[in-house]
Protein backbone atom coordinates (compact mmCIF):
# COMPACT_ATOMS: atom_id res chain seq x y z
CA MET A 1 0.02 0.07 -0.10
CA GLU A 2 2.80 2.60 0.95
CA GLU A 3 4.50 1.94 -2.52
CA GLU A 4 1.20 2.56 -4.22
CA ILE A 5 0.73 5.84 -2.42
CA LYS A 6 4.39 6.85 -3.08
CA LYS A 7 3.90 6.15 -6.67
CA GLU A 8 0.54 8.18 -7.00
CA ASN A 9 2.19 10.98 -5.37
CA GLU A 10 5.55 10.98 -6.63
CA GLY A 11 6.81 14.60 -7.44
CA GLU A 12 4.39 16.21 -5.14
CA ASP A 13 5.18 17.77 -1.92
CA ARG A 14 2.41 16.27 -0.02
CA VAL A 15 0.27 13.05 0.32
CA ILE A 16 -3.13 13.17 -1.38
CA ILE A 17 -5.78 11.54 0.80
CA THR A 18 -8.05 9.29 -1.42
CA LYS A 19 -11.50 7.73 -0.65
CA ASP A 20 -10.33 4.28 -0.83
CA MET A 21 -7.43 4.72 1.73
CA LEU A 22 -7.95 3.14 5.21
CA VAL A 23 -8.52 5.88 7.73
CA SER A 24 -5.64 4.53 9.72
CA ASP A 25 -3.45 4.75 6.90
CA ALA A 26 -4.49 8.28 5.79
CA LEU A 27 -4.01 9.29 9.60
CA ALA A 28 -0.49 7.65 9.49
CA LEU A 29 0.46 9.18 6.34
CA ASN A 30 -0.91 12.89 7.30
CA PRO A 31 -1.73 13.24 11.21
CA ASN A 32 -2.76 16.86 10.59
CA ILE A 33 -5.88 15.67 8.97
CA ALA A 34 -7.14 14.40 12.47
CA PRO A 35 -8.56 17.98 13.38
CA VAL A 36 -10.17 18.30 10.19
CA LEU A 37 -11.88 14.91 10.74
CA MET A 38 -12.70 15.74 14.40
CA SER A 39 -14.56 19.07 13.31
CA ALA A 40 -16.64 17.02 11.30
CA GLY A 41 -17.45 14.90 14.24
CA MET A 42 -15.33 11.86 12.83
CA TYR A 43 -13.13 10.77 15.77
CA CYS A 44 -11.66 8.22 13.54
CA PHE A 45 -8.31 8.23 15.28
CA SER A 46 -9.72 6.64 18.35
CA CYS A 47 -12.11 4.11 16.65
CA PRO A 48 -11.14 0.53 16.30
CA ALA A 49 -13.07 0.35 13.04
CA SER A 50 -10.36 2.97 11.43
CA MET A 51 -8.13 -0.21 10.95
CA GLY A 52 -10.67 -1.63 8.33
CA GLU A 53 -12.73 1.31 7.01
CA THR A 54 -11.88 3.17 4.10
CA ILE A 55 -12.39 7.07 4.03
CA GLU A 56 -15.55 6.58 2.11
CA MET A 57 -16.98 4.06 4.41
CA ALA A 58 -16.44 6.20 7.29
CA ALA A 59 -17.76 9.23 5.66
CA MET A 60 -20.91 7.22 4.68
CA VAL A 61 -21.27 5.95 8.16
CA HIS A 62 -21.21 9.28 9.68
CA GLY A 63 -23.44 10.75 6.90
CA PHE A 64 -20.98 12.80 5.29
CA ASP A 65 -20.49 13.49 1.46
CA VAL A 66 -16.90 11.86 0.95
CA ASP A 67 -15.93 14.43 -1.74
CA ASP A 68 -16.43 16.96 1.04
CA ILE A 69 -14.47 15.17 3.60
CA LEU A 70 -11.64 14.71 0.68
CA GLU A 71 -11.67 18.54 -0.11
CA ALA A 72 -11.28 19.31 3.58
CA VAL A 73 -8.32 16.81 4.50
CA ASN A 74 -6.37 17.47 1.11
CA SER A 75 -6.91 21.35 1.20
């Protein structure tokens, strides 16, 4: 997974979070997204489900549009 992420983001200064990433992987790659998720009511860093849920799945469970979440964490 990390190799794939590095290839996707090669030449970029930052990691782009995608909807198919596990929440735990996204947080490990960019811990700065935690406050963004928390402000939306998604306390994913403390949830055991984050190890098996994608960003898209977590957004759906919490009733958020995944594109809105991605825009916020990638801005």
